[in-house]
Amino acid sequence: RAYQLIILGEPYPGFKDLLPPEVQRAYQDGVKKLARRIMAWGPKGEEPNMDLIIPIGLWYAGKVCNDPVLTKEVEAFARMMFTDPRYFHPAGYWVERGGLDVGFGGQVNFFTVWAALASDWPFAKEAVEKVYRLRAHLTLPEPDGTITGPAAFNTRLCSPAYADQWSFGWLDHAALMVTDEAACWVKPPSAD
């Protein structure tokens, strides 16, 4: 349900001023109620790719409500998800079915980079840095210029770190705005 907070929160600044004050308050109250309900449910801990949309949705809820108490609750919840070893291993991966899956983790990396760029949460930026450092360590260049990496330990897919899921062309560029650890994944622009 956290994606609903994104749907409700992202466009809100664009139409907020068109709403009467009482409608704004009702909208904000509804968003706050949904945000607190989602935090009370907590992450399922089964699929981090689905759980990691929660902090982003909550961040949008905090922006909609502009309530310092809710903002602190949201940040505490997000910090827990980005730092608790049940969800994010200090080595730099999201715990996927009890272990590591660097290929499938691409979906989680998408949401991690989004959260790091949208928020001012240092723990989100640190997570992006750790993820990209681990990806670099798990990527091996071959003599012919191709790259490969170990994948037999993955819990779900047998894809190496360089072939992570949701590896959109701009994702690594976005991560580079967060950490220099992503530099090896981005081709520099040509002289032209």
C-alpha atoms as a PDB file:
ATOM      1  CA  ARG A   1       0.000   0.000   0.000  1.00  0.00           C
ATOM      2  CA  ALA A   2       2.967   2.345   0.326  1.00  0.00           C
ATOM      3  CA  TYR A   3       2.842   3.054  -3.401  1.00  0.00           C
ATOM      4  CA  GLN A   4      -0.505   4.742  -2.716  1.00  0.00           C
ATOM      5  CA  LEU A   5       1.373   7.291  -0.624  1.00  0.00           C
ATOM      6  CA  ILE A   6       3.539   8.063  -3.652  1.00  0.00           C
ATOM      7  CA  ILE A   7       0.449   8.449  -5.831  1.00  0.00           C
ATOM      8  CA  LEU A   8      -1.128  10.736  -3.230  1.00  0.00           C
ATOM      9  CA  GLY A   9       2.021  12.627  -2.279  1.00  0.00           C
ATOM     10  CA  GLU A  10       4.019  13.256  -5.430  1.00  0.00           C
ATOM     11  CA  PRO A  11       1.470  15.485  -7.238  1.00  0.00           C
ATOM     12  CA  TYR A  12       0.156  17.195  -4.092  1.00  0.00           C
ATOM     13  CA  PRO A  13       2.338  20.345  -4.300  1.00  0.00           C
ATOM     14  CA  GLY A  14       1.000  20.930  -7.805  1.00  0.00           C
ATOM     15  CA  PHE A  15      -2.665  21.099  -6.800  1.00  0.00           C
ATOM     16  CA  LYS A  16      -2.534  21.874  -3.076  1.00  0.00           C
ATOM     17  CA  ASP A  17      -3.112  25.605  -3.509  1.00  0.00           C
ATOM     18  CA  LEU A  18      -6.257  24.958  -5.557  1.00  0.00           C
ATOM     19  CA  LEU A  19      -7.902  23.253  -2.583  1.00  0.00           C
ATOM     20  CA  PRO A  20      -9.783  25.082   0.171  1.00  0.00           C
ATOM     21  CA  PRO A  21      -7.988  24.918   3.563  1.00  0.00           C
ATOM     22  CA  GLU A  22     -10.485  22.431   5.009  1.00  0.00           C
ATOM     23  CA  VAL A  23      -9.961  20.084   2.041  1.00  0.00           C
ATOM     24  CA  GLN A  24      -6.183  20.396   2.431  1.00  0.00           C
ATOM     25  CA  ARG A  25      -6.497  19.433   6.113  1.00  0.00           C
ATOM     26  CA  ALA A  26      -8.738  16.462   5.280  1.00  0.00           C
ATOM     27  CA  TYR A  27      -6.316  15.298   2.568  1.00  0.00           C
ATOM     28  CA  GLN A  28      -3.356  15.614   4.937  1.00  0.00           C
ATOM     29  CA  ASP A  29      -5.229  13.811   7.718  1.00  0.00           C
ATOM     30  CA  GLY A  30      -6.012  10.930   5.357  1.00  0.00           C
ATOM     31  CA  VAL A  31      -2.401  10.675   4.177  1.00  0.00           C
ATOM     32  CA  LYS A  32      -1.148  10.790   7.782  1.00  0.00           C
ATOM     33  CA  LYS A  33      -3.592   8.049   8.816  1.00  0.00           C
ATOM     34  CA  LEU A  34      -2.458   5.800   5.944  1.00  0.00           C
ATOM     35  CA  ALA A  35       1.223   6.480   6.692  1.00  0.00           C
ATOM     36  CA  ARG A  36       0.839   5.536  10.338  1.00  0.00           C
ATOM     37  CA  ARG A  37      -1.135   2.420   9.422  1.00  0.00           C
ATOM     38  CA  ILE A  38       1.645   1.317   7.042  1.00  0.00           C
ATOM     39  CA  MET A  39       4.293   1.947   9.702  1.00  0.00           C
ATOM     40  CA  ALA A  40       2.250  -0.081  12.202  1.00  0.00           C
ATOM     41  CA  TRP A  41       2.126  -2.996   9.745  1.00  0.00           C
ATOM     42  CA  GLY A  42       5.896  -2.801   9.328  1.00  0.00           C
ATOM     43  CA  PRO A  43       7.907  -4.415   6.556  1.00  0.00           C
ATOM     44  CA  LYS A  44       6.994  -8.000   5.721  1.00  0.00           C
ATOM     45  CA  GLY A  45      10.628  -8.976   5.399  1.00  0.00           C
ATOM     46  CA  GLU A  46       9.882 -11.445   2.598  1.00  0.00           C
ATOM     47  CA  GLU A  47      10.764  -9.433  -0.491  1.00  0.00           C
ATOM     48  CA  PRO A  48      12.880  -6.339   0.006  1.00  0.00           C
ATOM     49  CA  ASN A  49      11.967  -5.040  -3.437  1.00  0.00           C
ATOM     50  CA  MET A  50       8.384  -4.618  -2.230  1.00  0.00           C
ATOM     51  CA  ASP A  51       9.342  -3.410   1.244  1.00  0.00           C
ATOM     52  CA  LEU A  52      11.678  -0.662   0.030  1.00  0.00           C
ATOM     53  CA  ILE A  53       8.889   1.303  -1.579  1.00  0.00           C
ATOM     54  CA  ILE A  54       7.609   1.942   1.967  1.00  0.00           C
ATOM     55  CA  PRO A  55      10.231   4.551   2.974  1.00  0.00           C
ATOM     56  CA  ILE A  56       9.674   6.433  -0.271  1.00  0.00           C
ATOM     57  CA  GLY A  57       5.909   6.494   0.209  1.00  0.00           C
ATOM     58  CA  LEU A  58       6.381   7.589   3.805  1.00  0.00           C
ATOM     59  CA  TRP A  59       8.784  10.333   2.722  1.00  0.00           C
ATOM     60  CA  TYR A  60       6.086  11.686   0.383  1.00  0.00           C
ATOM     61  CA  ALA A  61       3.557  11.488   3.224  1.00  0.00           C
ATOM     62  CA  GLY A  62       5.876  13.550   5.400  1.00  0.00           C
ATOM     63  CA  LYS A  63       6.098  16.197   2.685  1.00  0.00           C
ATOM     64  CA  VAL A  64       2.315  16.285   2.218  1.00  0.00           C
ATOM     65  CA  CYS A  65       1.573  16.607   5.927  1.00  0.00           C
ATOM     66  CA  ASN A  66       4.461  18.937   6.834  1.00  0.00           C
ATOM     67  CA  ASP A  67       4.124  17.640  10.401  1.00  0.00           C
ATOM     68  CA  PRO A  68       7.389  17.492  12.399  1.00  0.00           C
ATOM     69  CA  VAL A  69       6.125  14.596  14.537  1.00  0.00           C
ATOM     70  CA  LEU A  70       5.178  12.489  11.509  1.00  0.00           C
ATOM     71  CA  THR A  71       8.442  13.426   9.785  1.00  0.00           C
ATOM     72  CA  LYS A  72      10.420  12.088  12.770  1.00  0.00           C
ATOM     73  CA  GLU A  73       8.339   8.885  12.818  1.00  0.00           C
ATOM     74  CA  VAL A  74       8.902   8.414   9.090  1.00  0.00           C
ATOM     75  CA  GLU A  75      12.654   8.950   9.396  1.00  0.00           C
ATOM     76  CA  ALA A  76      12.900   6.504  12.317  1.00  0.00           C
ATOM     77  CA  PHE A  77      10.988   3.871  10.344  1.00  0.00           C
ATOM     78  CA  ALA A  78      13.153   4.419   7.254  1.00  0.00           C
ATOM     79  CA  ARG A  79      16.354   4.307   9.342  1.00  0.00           C
ATOM     80  CA  MET A  80      15.271   0.956  10.747  1.00  0.00           C
ATOM     81  CA  MET A  81      14.763  -0.435   7.248  1.00  0.00           C
ATOM     82  CA  PHE A  82      18.073   0.929   5.926  1.00  0.00           C
ATOM     83  CA  THR A  83      20.203  -0.141   8.893  1.00  0.00           C
ATOM     84  CA  ASP A  84      18.618  -3.174  10.579  1.00  0.00           C
ATOM     85  CA  PRO A  85      20.561  -6.312   9.528  1.00  0.00           C
ATOM     86  CA  ARG A  86      17.270  -8.186   9.174  1.00  0.00           C
ATOM     87  CA  TYR A  87      16.634  -6.036   6.092  1.00  0.00           C
ATOM     88  CA  PHE A  88      19.965  -4.511   5.017  1.00  0.00           C
ATOM     89  CA  HIS A  89      23.203  -6.376   5.622  1.00  0.00           C
ATOM     90  CA  PRO A  90      26.168  -4.155   6.567  1.00  0.00           C
ATOM     91  CA  ALA A  91      28.142  -5.723   3.684  1.00  0.00           C
ATOM     92  CA  GLY A  92      25.894  -3.843   1.265  1.00  0.00           C
ATOM     93  CA  TYR A  93      22.983  -6.009   0.224  1.00  0.00           C
ATOM     94  CA  TRP A  94      19.293  -6.257   0.926  1.00  0.00           C
ATOM     95  CA  VAL A  95      18.440  -9.529   2.620  1.00  0.00           C
ATOM     96  CA  GLU A  96      16.540 -11.577   0.060  1.00  0.00           C
ATOM     97  CA  ARG A  97      14.923 -14.716   1.437  1.00  0.00           C
ATOM     98  CA  GLY A  98      17.551 -14.997   4.155  1.00  0.00           C
ATOM     99  CA  GLY A  99      20.563 -14.263   1.978  1.00  0.00           C
ATOM    100  CA  LEU A 100      22.055 -12.335  -0.882  1.00  0.00           C
ATOM    101  CA  ASP A 101      20.795 -11.971  -4.434  1.00  0.00           C
ATOM    102  CA  VAL A 102      22.763  -9.243  -6.165  1.00  0.00           C
ATOM    103  CA  GLY A 103      20.902  -9.644  -9.459  1.00  0.00           C
ATOM    104  CA  PHE A 104      17.404  -9.561  -8.055  1.00  0.00           C
ATOM    105  CA  GLY A 105      18.529  -6.770  -5.749  1.00  0.00           C
ATOM    106  CA  GLY A 106      18.377  -4.370  -8.678  1.00  0.00           C
ATOM    107  CA  GLN A 107      14.750  -3.600  -7.903  1.00  0.00           C
ATOM    108  CA  VAL A 108      15.709  -2.703  -4.357  1.00  0.00           C
ATOM    109  CA  ASN A 109      18.628  -0.620  -5.630  1.00  0.00           C
ATOM    110  CA  PHE A 110      16.152   1.396  -7.705  1.00  0.00           C
ATOM    111  CA  PHE A 111      14.142   2.320  -4.600  1.00  0.00           C
ATOM    112  CA  THR A 112      17.287   2.839  -2.514  1.00  0.00           C
ATOM    113  CA  VAL A 113      18.702   5.379  -4.974  1.00  0.00           C
ATOM    114  CA  TRP A 114      15.284   7.073  -5.187  1.00  0.00           C
ATOM    115  CA  ALA A 115      15.116   7.415  -1.399  1.00  0.00           C
ATOM    116  CA  ALA A 116      18.685   8.703  -1.188  1.00  0.00           C
ATOM    117  CA  LEU A 117      18.088  11.370  -3.832  1.00  0.00           C
ATOM    118  CA  ALA A 118      14.667  12.454  -2.562  1.00  0.00           C
ATOM    119  CA  SER A 119      15.417  12.642   1.139  1.00  0.00           C
ATOM    120  CA  ASP A 120      18.134  14.105   3.293  1.00  0.00           C
ATOM    121  CA  TRP A 121      18.597  10.786   5.087  1.00  0.00           C
ATOM    122  CA  PRO A 122      22.318  10.023   5.491  1.00  0.00           C
ATOM    123  CA  PHE A 123      21.559   6.340   6.125  1.00  0.00           C
ATOM    124  CA  ALA A 124      19.929   6.056   2.669  1.00  0.00           C
ATOM    125  CA  LYS A 125      23.015   7.559   1.041  1.00  0.00           C
ATOM    126  CA  GLU A 126      25.252   5.190   3.037  1.00  0.00           C
ATOM    127  CA  ALA A 127      23.170   2.240   1.837  1.00  0.00           C
ATOM    128  CA  VAL A 128      23.643   3.277  -1.812  1.00  0.00           C
ATOM    129  CA  GLU A 129      27.380   3.583  -1.207  1.00  0.00           C
ATOM    130  CA  LYS A 130      27.581   0.116   0.368  1.00  0.00           C
ATOM    131  CA  VAL A 131      25.458  -1.451  -2.388  1.00  0.00           C
ATOM    132  CA  TYR A 132      27.654  -0.046  -5.137  1.00  0.00           C
ATOM    133  CA  ARG A 133      30.877  -0.939  -3.317  1.00  0.00           C
ATOM    134  CA  LEU A 134      29.699  -4.552  -3.023  1.00  0.00           C
ATOM    135  CA  ARG A 135      28.631  -4.620  -6.679  1.00  0.00           C
ATOM    136  CA  ALA A 136      32.127  -3.492  -7.676  1.00  0.00           C
ATOM    137  CA  HIS A 137      33.733  -6.200  -5.538  1.00  0.00           C
ATOM    138  CA  LEU A 138      31.485  -8.850  -7.082  1.00  0.00           C
ATOM    139  CA  THR A 139      32.200  -7.841 -10.665  1.00  0.00           C
ATOM    140  CA  LEU A 140      35.151  -9.417 -12.396  1.00  0.00           C
ATOM    141  CA  PRO A 141      36.671  -8.284 -15.686  1.00  0.00           C
ATOM    142  CA  GLU A 142      37.591 -10.960 -18.207  1.00  0.00           C
ATOM    143  CA  PRO A 143      40.699 -10.681 -20.447  1.00  0.00           C
ATOM    144  CA  ASP A 144      38.474 -10.069 -23.493  1.00  0.00           C
ATOM    145  CA  GLY A 145      36.875  -6.994 -21.893  1.00  0.00           C
ATOM    146  CA  THR A 146      33.600  -8.615 -20.872  1.00  0.00           C
ATOM    147  CA  ILE A 147      32.580  -8.672 -17.243  1.00  0.00           C
ATOM    148  CA  THR A 148      31.241 -11.460 -15.127  1.00  0.00           C
ATOM    149  CA  GLY A 149      30.875 -12.266 -11.480  1.00  0.00           C
ATOM    150  CA  PRO A 150      29.887 -14.954  -9.041  1.00  0.00           C
ATOM    151  CA  ALA A 151      26.197 -15.736  -8.899  1.00  0.00           C
ATOM    152  CA  ALA A 152      25.900 -19.300  -7.607  1.00  0.00           C
ATOM    153  CA  PHE A 153      25.256 -18.054  -4.074  1.00  0.00           C
ATOM    154  CA  ASN A 154      22.202 -15.986  -5.043  1.00  0.00           C
ATOM    155  CA  THR A 155      18.974 -16.903  -3.292  1.00  0.00           C
ATOM    156  CA  ARG A 156      16.724 -16.335  -6.286  1.00  0.00           C
ATOM    157  CA  LEU A 157      18.237 -15.543  -9.682  1.00  0.00           C
ATOM    158  CA  CYS A 158      21.531 -16.651 -11.124  1.00  0.00           C
ATOM    159  CA  SER A 159      22.519 -13.218 -12.377  1.00  0.00           C
ATOM    160  CA  PRO A 160      25.775 -11.523 -11.437  1.00  0.00           C
ATOM    161  CA  ALA A 161      25.989  -8.066  -9.865  1.00  0.00           C
ATOM    162  CA  TYR A 162      26.600  -6.222 -13.126  1.00  0.00           C
ATOM    163  CA  ALA A 163      23.304  -7.566 -14.544  1.00  0.00           C
ATOM    164  CA  ASP A 164      21.034  -6.480 -11.751  1.00  0.00           C
ATOM    165  CA  GLN A 165      17.339  -6.380 -12.378  1.00  0.00           C
ATOM    166  CA  TRP A 166      15.853  -2.974 -13.179  1.00  0.00           C
ATOM    167  CA  SER A 167      19.197  -1.782 -14.432  1.00  0.00           C
ATOM    168  CA  PHE A 168      17.712   1.132 -16.301  1.00  0.00           C
ATOM    169  CA  GLY A 169      20.188   3.233 -18.239  1.00  0.00           C
ATOM    170  CA  TRP A 170      19.824   6.156 -15.852  1.00  0.00           C
ATOM    171  CA  LEU A 171      19.906   4.272 -12.536  1.00  0.00           C
ATOM    172  CA  ASP A 172      23.685   4.141 -12.271  1.00  0.00           C
ATOM    173  CA  HIS A 173      23.868   7.817 -13.284  1.00  0.00           C
ATOM    174  CA  ALA A 174      21.430   8.606 -10.476  1.00  0.00           C
ATOM    175  CA  ALA A 175      23.491   6.540  -8.024  1.00  0.00           C
ATOM    176  CA  LEU A 176      26.579   8.471  -9.092  1.00  0.00           C
ATOM    177  CA  MET A 177      24.863  11.619  -7.801  1.00  0.00           C
ATOM    178  CA  VAL A 178      24.853   9.910  -4.395  1.00  0.00           C
ATOM    179  CA  THR A 179      28.226   8.154  -4.290  1.00  0.00           C
ATOM    180  CA  ASP A 180      31.468   7.904  -6.235  1.00  0.00           C
ATOM    181  CA  GLU A 181      31.206   4.126  -5.736  1.00  0.00           C
ATOM    182  CA  ALA A 182      28.895   4.099  -8.771  1.00  0.00           C
ATOM    183  CA  ALA A 183      31.491   5.686 -11.069  1.00  0.00           C
ATOM    184  CA  CYS A 184      32.692   2.368 -12.474  1.00  0.00           C
ATOM    185  CA  TRP A 185      29.165   1.717 -13.800  1.00  0.00           C
ATOM    186  CA  VAL A 186      28.829   4.960 -15.732  1.00  0.00           C
ATOM    187  CA  LYS A 187      30.479   5.553 -19.071  1.00  0.00           C
ATOM    188  CA  PRO A 188      31.927   9.067 -19.246  1.00  0.00           C
ATOM    189  CA  PRO A 189      30.577  11.280 -22.013  1.00  0.00           C
ATOM    190  CA  SER A 190      32.564  11.437 -25.218  1.00  0.00           C
ATOM    191  CA  ALA A 191      34.569  14.492 -26.224  1.00  0.00           C
ATOM    192  CA  ASP A 192      31.825  15.298 -28.724  1.00  0.00           C
END
